[in-house]
Amino acid sequence: MMGGHEFPFRRLEFERLPEEEQLRRVRAFRRLLATRRTVRDFAPDPVARELVDEIVAAAATAPSGANQQPWSFVVVSNPEVKRRIREAAEAEERENYDRRFPEVWKQHLEPLGTDWRKPFLETAPYLIVVFRIDYTEHVVDSSGTGEP
């Protein structure tokens, strides 16, 4: 399990770029983001655990209020746990499709070929589960432990 509390506060070193460079960079970034796709089909090929750990470490640095990173990550590789996660996710999604989603929403989903079935949750070599950490009255130090 990893949380974002291992990253101490560092003052921003800021360099204001000329407007033309700002526009060039933001346009390039927007083009990159436009290539993003949601993937629901994963290969069962092995992935180095170190790579997954680096991805989680990068995610843990996402900005948050007071730099507290109120989330924790759990990397799941155990097939039985992945199966149980899939069953729970499918039960929730079945409820969405059967009772919660309005017809217009389901019509928008239809061309995508998605439904309540989530087999990719067992196919992917790892699942990264993100847990919210609710605010508490204690301060979290840089080691991730609480001090009352």
N, C-alpha and C. Protein backbone atom coordinates (compact mmCIF):
# COMPACT_ATOMS: atom_id res chain seq x y z
N MET A 1 0.86 -1.17 0.00
CA MET A 1 0.00 0.00 0.00
C MET A 1 0.90 1.23 0.00
N MET A 2 0.55 2.19 -0.84
CA MET A 2 1.35 3.39 -0.91
C MET A 2 0.46 4.62 -0.79
N GLY A 3 0.93 5.62 -0.08
CA GLY A 3 0.23 6.89 -0.01
C GLY A 3 1.17 7.98 -0.48
N GLY A 4 0.66 9.17 -0.65
CA GLY A 4 1.45 10.25 -1.18
C GLY A 4 2.23 11.01 -0.13
N HIS A 5 2.25 10.57 1.12
CA HIS A 5 2.82 11.36 2.19
C HIS A 5 4.35 11.25 2.26
N GLU A 6 4.97 10.54 1.35
CA GLU A 6 6.41 10.42 1.36
C GLU A 6 7.08 11.56 0.60
N PHE A 7 6.30 12.52 0.12
CA PHE A 7 6.82 13.61 -0.68
C PHE A 7 6.73 14.91 0.10
N PRO A 8 7.85 15.36 0.68
CA PRO A 8 7.81 16.58 1.48
C PRO A 8 7.56 17.81 0.60
N PHE A 9 7.08 18.85 1.23
CA PHE A 9 6.81 20.11 0.53
C PHE A 9 8.10 20.68 -0.04
N ARG A 10 8.02 21.10 -1.30
CA ARG A 10 9.15 21.80 -1.95
C ARG A 10 8.58 23.05 -2.61
N ARG A 11 9.24 24.14 -2.43
CA ARG A 11 8.81 25.40 -3.04
C ARG A 11 8.95 25.29 -4.56
N LEU A 12 7.96 25.83 -5.27
CA LEU A 12 7.96 25.82 -6.73
C LEU A 12 9.03 26.74 -7.29
N GLU A 13 9.83 26.20 -8.19
CA GLU A 13 10.78 27.03 -8.93
C GLU A 13 10.12 27.34 -10.25
N PHE A 14 9.70 28.60 -10.43
CA PHE A 14 8.86 28.99 -11.54
C PHE A 14 9.62 29.84 -12.53
N GLU A 15 9.45 29.50 -13.79
CA GLU A 15 10.01 30.31 -14.87
C GLU A 15 8.86 30.68 -15.80
N ARG A 16 8.58 31.97 -15.92
CA ARG A 16 7.51 32.41 -16.81
C ARG A 16 8.01 32.35 -18.25
N LEU A 17 7.29 31.60 -19.07
CA LEU A 17 7.66 31.44 -20.47
C LEU A 17 7.00 32.52 -21.32
N PRO A 18 7.61 32.84 -22.45
CA PRO A 18 6.96 33.78 -23.36
C PRO A 18 5.61 33.21 -23.82
N GLU A 19 4.66 34.09 -24.11
CA GLU A 19 3.31 33.66 -24.48
C GLU A 19 3.32 32.68 -25.65
N GLU A 20 4.16 32.90 -26.62
CA GLU A 20 4.21 31.99 -27.78
C GLU A 20 4.59 30.57 -27.36
N GLU A 21 5.54 30.47 -26.43
CA GLU A 21 5.96 29.16 -25.95
C GLU A 21 4.87 28.52 -25.10
N GLN A 22 4.19 29.33 -24.30
CA GLN A 22 3.06 28.80 -23.52
C GLN A 22 2.02 28.20 -24.45
N LEU A 23 1.67 28.93 -25.50
CA LEU A 23 0.67 28.43 -26.46
C LEU A 23 1.15 27.17 -27.16
N ARG A 24 2.42 27.15 -27.56
CA ARG A 24 2.95 25.96 -28.23
C ARG A 24 2.84 24.75 -27.33
N ARG A 25 3.23 24.91 -26.07
CA ARG A 25 3.21 23.79 -25.13
C ARG A 25 1.78 23.34 -24.80
N VAL A 26 0.88 24.28 -24.56
CA VAL A 26 -0.48 23.88 -24.21
C VAL A 26 -1.17 23.22 -25.39
N ARG A 27 -0.90 23.68 -26.60
CA ARG A 27 -1.49 23.04 -27.77
C ARG A 27 -0.95 21.63 -27.97
N ALA A 28 0.35 21.46 -27.76
CA ALA A 28 0.94 20.12 -27.87
C ALA A 28 0.36 19.20 -26.80
N PHE A 29 0.18 19.73 -25.60
CA PHE A 29 -0.38 18.93 -24.52
C PHE A 29 -1.83 18.57 -24.82
N ARG A 30 -2.59 19.51 -25.34
CA ARG A 30 -3.99 19.24 -25.70
C ARG A 30 -4.07 18.18 -26.79
N ARG A 31 -3.18 18.23 -27.78
CA ARG A 31 -3.15 17.19 -28.83
C ARG A 31 -2.84 15.83 -28.22
N LEU A 32 -1.90 15.79 -27.29
CA LEU A 32 -1.57 14.54 -26.62
C LEU A 32 -2.78 14.01 -25.85
N LEU A 33 -3.45 14.87 -25.10
CA LEU A 33 -4.61 14.44 -24.33
C LEU A 33 -5.74 13.96 -25.23
N ALA A 34 -5.85 14.52 -26.41
CA ALA A 34 -6.92 14.12 -27.33
C ALA A 34 -6.72 12.69 -27.83
N THR A 35 -5.53 12.13 -27.66
CA THR A 35 -5.28 10.75 -28.09
C THR A 35 -5.64 9.74 -27.01
N ARG A 36 -6.00 10.23 -25.81
CA ARG A 36 -6.33 9.35 -24.70
C ARG A 36 -7.58 8.53 -25.02
N ARG A 37 -7.54 7.28 -24.67
CA ARG A 37 -8.69 6.39 -24.85
C ARG A 37 -8.86 5.55 -23.60
N THR A 38 -10.10 5.24 -23.30
CA THR A 38 -10.39 4.32 -22.21
C THR A 38 -10.20 2.91 -22.76
N VAL A 39 -9.46 2.10 -22.04
CA VAL A 39 -9.17 0.74 -22.49
C VAL A 39 -9.88 -0.25 -21.57
N ARG A 40 -10.60 -1.17 -22.17
CA ARG A 40 -11.30 -2.19 -21.38
C ARG A 40 -10.91 -3.59 -21.86
N ASP A 41 -9.77 -3.68 -22.50
CA ASP A 41 -9.30 -4.96 -23.01
C ASP A 41 -7.80 -5.01 -22.77
N PHE A 42 -7.37 -5.90 -21.90
CA PHE A 42 -5.97 -5.94 -21.50
C PHE A 42 -5.35 -7.28 -21.84
N ALA A 43 -4.08 -7.26 -22.18
CA ALA A 43 -3.33 -8.49 -22.43
C ALA A 43 -2.91 -9.09 -21.09
N PRO A 44 -2.84 -10.39 -21.00
CA PRO A 44 -2.41 -11.02 -19.75
C PRO A 44 -0.89 -11.04 -19.59
N ASP A 45 -0.17 -10.39 -20.49
CA ASP A 45 1.29 -10.41 -20.47
C ASP A 45 1.83 -9.90 -19.14
N PRO A 46 2.91 -10.51 -18.65
CA PRO A 46 3.49 -10.05 -17.39
C PRO A 46 3.97 -8.60 -17.49
N VAL A 47 3.89 -7.91 -16.38
CA VAL A 47 4.37 -6.54 -16.26
C VAL A 47 5.29 -6.51 -15.04
N ALA A 48 6.44 -5.89 -15.19
CA ALA A 48 7.39 -5.82 -14.07
C ALA A 48 6.75 -5.08 -12.90
N ARG A 49 6.82 -5.64 -11.72
CA ARG A 49 6.25 -5.02 -10.53
C ARG A 49 6.88 -3.66 -10.28
N GLU A 50 8.17 -3.53 -10.57
CA GLU A 50 8.84 -2.25 -10.39
C GLU A 50 8.19 -1.16 -11.24
N LEU A 51 7.76 -1.50 -12.45
CA LEU A 51 7.08 -0.54 -13.32
C LEU A 51 5.76 -0.09 -12.68
N VAL A 52 5.00 -1.05 -12.16
CA VAL A 52 3.74 -0.73 -11.50
C VAL A 52 3.99 0.16 -10.28
N ASP A 53 5.00 -0.16 -9.51
CA ASP A 53 5.33 0.65 -8.33
C ASP A 53 5.69 2.08 -8.72
N GLU A 54 6.40 2.25 -9.83
CA GLU A 54 6.76 3.60 -10.30
C GLU A 54 5.52 4.36 -10.75
N ILE A 55 4.57 3.67 -11.39
CA ILE A 55 3.32 4.30 -11.81
C ILE A 55 2.55 4.78 -10.58
N VAL A 56 2.47 3.92 -9.57
CA VAL A 56 1.76 4.28 -8.35
C VAL A 56 2.47 5.45 -7.65
N ALA A 57 3.79 5.42 -7.62
CA ALA A 57 4.54 6.52 -6.99
C ALA A 57 4.27 7.84 -7.72
N ALA A 58 4.18 7.79 -9.05
CA ALA A 58 3.87 9.01 -9.81
C ALA A 58 2.46 9.49 -9.49
N ALA A 59 1.50 8.57 -9.43
CA ALA A 59 0.11 8.94 -9.12
C ALA A 59 0.01 9.54 -7.72
N ALA A 60 0.81 9.04 -6.81
CA ALA A 60 0.76 9.51 -5.42
C ALA A 60 1.19 10.97 -5.29
N THR A 61 1.83 11.52 -6.30
CA THR A 61 2.28 12.91 -6.23
C THR A 61 1.24 13.89 -6.75
N ALA A 62 0.06 13.41 -7.16
CA ALA A 62 -0.97 14.31 -7.67
C ALA A 62 -1.27 15.40 -6.65
N PRO A 63 -1.56 16.60 -7.12
CA PRO A 63 -1.82 17.70 -6.20
C PRO A 63 -3.07 17.46 -5.35
N SER A 64 -3.03 17.98 -4.14
CA SER A 64 -4.19 17.90 -3.25
C SER A 64 -4.11 19.05 -2.25
N GLY A 65 -5.24 19.31 -1.62
CA GLY A 65 -5.29 20.37 -0.62
C GLY A 65 -4.31 20.11 0.51
N ALA A 66 -3.57 21.14 0.87
CA ALA A 66 -2.57 21.09 1.95
C ALA A 66 -1.52 20.02 1.70
N ASN A 67 -1.39 19.59 0.44
CA ASN A 67 -0.40 18.58 0.05
C ASN A 67 -0.52 17.31 0.89
N GLN A 68 -1.77 16.94 1.25
CA GLN A 68 -1.99 15.78 2.11
C GLN A 68 -2.22 14.49 1.33
N GLN A 69 -2.45 14.56 0.02
CA GLN A 69 -2.69 13.38 -0.80
C GLN A 69 -3.61 12.39 -0.06
N PRO A 70 -4.91 12.71 0.00
CA PRO A 70 -5.83 11.90 0.80
C PRO A 70 -6.28 10.63 0.08
N TRP A 71 -5.32 9.84 -0.33
CA TRP A 71 -5.61 8.59 -1.00
C TRP A 71 -4.52 7.59 -0.69
N SER A 72 -4.85 6.36 -0.91
CA SER A 72 -3.91 5.27 -0.70
C SER A 72 -4.12 4.30 -1.86
N PHE A 73 -3.07 3.65 -2.28
CA PHE A 73 -3.12 2.74 -3.42
C PHE A 73 -2.80 1.32 -2.96
N VAL A 74 -3.53 0.37 -3.49
CA VAL A 74 -3.24 -1.04 -3.25
C VAL A 74 -3.10 -1.71 -4.60
N VAL A 75 -1.99 -2.39 -4.81
CA VAL A 75 -1.75 -3.13 -6.05
C VAL A 75 -2.15 -4.58 -5.82
N VAL A 76 -3.06 -5.06 -6.67
CA VAL A 76 -3.61 -6.41 -6.51
C VAL A 76 -3.14 -7.28 -7.67
N SER A 77 -2.53 -8.40 -7.35
CA SER A 77 -2.13 -9.37 -8.36
C SER A 77 -2.73 -10.75 -8.09
N ASN A 78 -3.21 -10.96 -6.89
CA ASN A 78 -3.76 -12.26 -6.50
C ASN A 78 -5.02 -12.56 -7.32
N PRO A 79 -5.03 -13.68 -8.08
CA PRO A 79 -6.18 -13.99 -8.95
C PRO A 79 -7.51 -14.10 -8.19
N GLU A 80 -7.49 -14.64 -6.99
CA GLU A 80 -8.74 -14.77 -6.24
C GLU A 80 -9.28 -13.41 -5.82
N VAL A 81 -8.40 -12.52 -5.41
CA VAL A 81 -8.83 -11.17 -5.03
C VAL A 81 -9.34 -10.43 -6.26
N LYS A 82 -8.65 -10.57 -7.39
CA LYS A 82 -9.12 -9.93 -8.63
C LYS A 82 -10.50 -10.46 -9.03
N ARG A 83 -10.73 -11.76 -8.84
CA ARG A 83 -12.04 -12.35 -9.16
C ARG A 83 -13.12 -11.73 -8.27
N ARG A 84 -12.83 -11.58 -7.00
CA ARG A 84 -13.81 -11.01 -6.07
C ARG A 84 -14.09 -9.54 -6.39
N ILE A 85 -13.05 -8.81 -6.78
CA ILE A 85 -13.23 -7.41 -7.19
C ILE A 85 -14.12 -7.36 -8.44
N ARG A 86 -13.85 -8.26 -9.40
CA ARG A 86 -14.66 -8.31 -10.61
C ARG A 86 -16.12 -8.58 -10.26
N GLU A 87 -16.37 -9.56 -9.42
CA GLU A 87 -17.75 -9.90 -9.06
C GLU A 87 -18.46 -8.71 -8.42
N ALA A 88 -17.78 -8.00 -7.54
CA ALA A 88 -18.39 -6.84 -6.88
C ALA A 88 -18.64 -5.72 -7.89
N ALA A 89 -17.67 -5.49 -8.78
CA ALA A 89 -17.83 -4.43 -9.79
C ALA A 89 -18.97 -4.77 -10.75
N GLU A 90 -19.05 -6.02 -11.15
CA GLU A 90 -20.12 -6.42 -12.07
C GLU A 90 -21.49 -6.31 -11.41
N ALA A 91 -21.59 -6.65 -10.15
CA ALA A 91 -22.87 -6.52 -9.44
C ALA A 91 -23.31 -5.05 -9.41
N GLU A 92 -22.36 -4.17 -9.12
CA GLU A 92 -22.67 -2.74 -9.08
C GLU A 92 -23.06 -2.22 -10.47
N GLU A 93 -22.30 -2.63 -11.48
CA GLU A 93 -22.60 -2.19 -12.85
C GLU A 93 -23.92 -2.75 -13.35
N ARG A 94 -24.24 -3.98 -12.99
CA ARG A 94 -25.52 -4.57 -13.37
C ARG A 94 -26.66 -3.71 -12.82
N GLU A 95 -26.49 -3.27 -11.59
CA GLU A 95 -27.48 -2.39 -10.96
C GLU A 95 -27.58 -1.06 -11.73
N ASN A 96 -26.43 -0.54 -12.16
CA ASN A 96 -26.43 0.70 -12.96
C ASN A 96 -27.23 0.52 -14.24
N TYR A 97 -26.90 -0.53 -14.98
CA TYR A 97 -27.56 -0.76 -16.27
C TYR A 97 -29.03 -1.10 -16.10
N ASP A 98 -29.38 -1.85 -15.07
CA ASP A 98 -30.77 -2.28 -14.89
C ASP A 98 -31.66 -1.20 -14.26
N ARG A 99 -31.11 -0.36 -13.37
CA ARG A 99 -31.98 0.54 -12.62
C ARG A 99 -31.56 2.01 -12.58
N ARG A 100 -30.27 2.29 -12.68
CA ARG A 100 -29.81 3.66 -12.44
C ARG A 100 -29.64 4.48 -13.72
N PHE A 101 -29.04 3.88 -14.75
CA PHE A 101 -28.77 4.64 -15.97
C PHE A 101 -30.06 4.97 -16.71
N PRO A 102 -30.23 6.22 -17.12
CA PRO A 102 -31.38 6.54 -17.96
C PRO A 102 -31.16 5.95 -19.37
N GLU A 103 -32.22 5.76 -20.10
CA GLU A 103 -32.14 5.16 -21.44
C GLU A 103 -31.18 5.91 -22.35
N VAL A 104 -31.21 7.24 -22.28
CA VAL A 104 -30.35 8.03 -23.17
C VAL A 104 -28.87 7.73 -22.89
N TRP A 105 -28.52 7.50 -21.63
CA TRP A 105 -27.15 7.17 -21.28
C TRP A 105 -26.76 5.82 -21.87
N LYS A 106 -27.65 4.84 -21.75
CA LYS A 106 -27.38 3.51 -22.32
C LYS A 106 -27.26 3.57 -23.84
N GLN A 107 -28.01 4.47 -24.47
CA GLN A 107 -27.89 4.64 -25.92
C GLN A 107 -26.52 5.19 -26.30
N HIS A 108 -25.99 6.08 -25.47
CA HIS A 108 -24.65 6.63 -25.72
C HIS A 108 -23.57 5.55 -25.52
N LEU A 109 -23.81 4.64 -24.61
CA LEU A 109 -22.84 3.57 -24.35
C LEU A 109 -22.87 2.47 -25.40
N GLU A 110 -24.02 2.28 -26.02
CA GLU A 110 -24.19 1.16 -26.95
C GLU A 110 -23.13 1.10 -28.05
N PRO A 111 -22.80 2.20 -28.74
CA PRO A 111 -21.77 2.11 -29.80
C PRO A 111 -20.39 1.73 -29.27
N LEU A 112 -20.16 1.96 -27.99
CA LEU A 112 -18.86 1.64 -27.40
C LEU A 112 -18.72 0.15 -27.10
N GLY A 113 -19.84 -0.55 -27.09
CA GLY A 113 -19.81 -1.98 -26.81
C GLY A 113 -19.57 -2.33 -25.36
N THR A 114 -19.85 -1.41 -24.47
CA THR A 114 -19.65 -1.69 -23.05
C THR A 114 -20.95 -2.14 -22.42
N ASP A 115 -20.83 -2.90 -21.38
CA ASP A 115 -21.98 -3.30 -20.58
C ASP A 115 -21.48 -3.56 -19.17
N TRP A 116 -22.24 -4.27 -18.39
CA TRP A 116 -21.89 -4.49 -16.99
C TRP A 116 -20.78 -5.52 -16.81
N ARG A 117 -20.44 -6.26 -17.83
CA ARG A 117 -19.41 -7.30 -17.71
C ARG A 117 -18.01 -6.67 -17.67
N LYS A 118 -17.16 -7.15 -16.77
CA LYS A 118 -15.82 -6.58 -16.56
C LYS A 118 -14.74 -7.66 -16.54
N PRO A 119 -14.62 -8.48 -17.60
CA PRO A 119 -13.62 -9.56 -17.57
C PRO A 119 -12.18 -9.06 -17.48
N PHE A 120 -11.95 -7.85 -17.96
CA PHE A 120 -10.59 -7.29 -17.92
C PHE A 120 -10.05 -7.16 -16.50
N LEU A 121 -10.94 -7.14 -15.51
CA LEU A 121 -10.47 -7.04 -14.13
C LEU A 121 -9.73 -8.30 -13.68
N GLU A 122 -9.93 -9.40 -14.40
CA GLU A 122 -9.18 -10.62 -14.10
C GLU A 122 -8.04 -10.83 -15.09
N THR A 123 -8.15 -10.25 -16.28
CA THR A 123 -7.14 -10.44 -17.32
C THR A 123 -5.88 -9.63 -17.03
N ALA A 124 -6.07 -8.39 -16.62
CA ALA A 124 -4.93 -7.51 -16.35
C ALA A 124 -4.05 -8.15 -15.27
N PRO A 125 -2.73 -8.11 -15.45
CA PRO A 125 -1.85 -8.73 -14.45
C PRO A 125 -1.94 -8.06 -13.07
N TYR A 126 -2.25 -6.77 -13.05
CA TYR A 126 -2.38 -6.03 -11.80
C TYR A 126 -3.62 -5.15 -11.86
N LEU A 127 -4.25 -4.96 -10.73
CA LEU A 127 -5.26 -3.92 -10.56
C LEU A 127 -4.68 -2.93 -9.56
N ILE A 128 -4.89 -1.66 -9.81
CA ILE A 128 -4.48 -0.64 -8.86
C ILE A 128 -5.76 -0.05 -8.29
N VAL A 129 -5.97 -0.29 -7.00
CA VAL A 129 -7.18 0.16 -6.33
C VAL A 129 -6.83 1.43 -5.55
N VAL A 130 -7.65 2.46 -5.74
CA VAL A 130 -7.42 3.73 -5.05
C VAL A 130 -8.47 3.87 -3.95
N PHE A 131 -7.99 4.12 -2.74
CA PHE A 131 -8.86 4.33 -1.60
C PHE A 131 -8.78 5.78 -1.15
N ARG A 132 -9.91 6.37 -0.88
CA ARG A 132 -9.98 7.73 -0.34
C ARG A 132 -9.65 7.66 1.15
N ILE A 133 -8.87 8.62 1.61
CA ILE A 133 -8.61 8.75 3.04
C ILE A 133 -9.36 9.99 3.50
N ASP A 134 -10.33 9.80 4.37
CA ASP A 134 -11.09 10.94 4.88
C ASP A 134 -10.24 11.76 5.82
N TYR A 135 -10.51 13.05 5.83
CA TYR A 135 -9.80 13.96 6.72
C TYR A 135 -10.00 13.55 8.16
N THR A 136 -8.93 13.59 8.91
CA THR A 136 -9.01 13.32 10.34
C THR A 136 -8.36 14.48 11.09
N GLU A 137 -8.45 14.44 12.38
CA GLU A 137 -7.92 15.53 13.19
C GLU A 137 -6.42 15.43 13.43
N HIS A 138 -5.76 14.41 12.85
CA HIS A 138 -4.32 14.30 13.09
C HIS A 138 -3.54 14.82 11.88
N VAL A 139 -2.31 15.13 12.12
CA VAL A 139 -1.41 15.61 11.08
C VAL A 139 -0.64 14.41 10.58
N VAL A 140 -0.46 14.33 9.28
CA VAL A 140 0.32 13.24 8.70
C VAL A 140 1.72 13.77 8.41
N ASP A 141 2.71 13.08 8.95
CA ASP A 141 4.07 13.52 8.69
C ASP A 141 4.59 12.92 7.39
N SER A 142 5.79 13.25 7.00
CA SER A 142 6.31 12.84 5.69
C SER A 142 6.53 11.34 5.57
N SER A 143 6.52 10.61 6.68
CA SER A 143 6.67 9.16 6.59
C SER A 143 5.35 8.46 6.39
N GLY A 144 4.22 9.22 6.44
CA GLY A 144 2.91 8.63 6.24
C GLY A 144 2.26 8.15 7.53
N THR A 145 2.91 8.41 8.66
CA THR A 145 2.33 7.99 9.94
C THR A 145 1.65 9.18 10.59
N GLY A 146 0.64 8.92 11.35
CA GLY A 146 -0.10 10.00 11.99
C GLY A 146 0.47 10.39 13.33
N GLU A 147 0.43 11.64 13.61
CA GLU A 147 0.83 12.16 14.91
C GLU A 147 -0.39 12.84 15.50
N PRO A 148 -0.92 12.35 16.63
CA PRO A 148 -2.10 13.00 17.22
C PRO A 148 -1.84 14.44 17.63
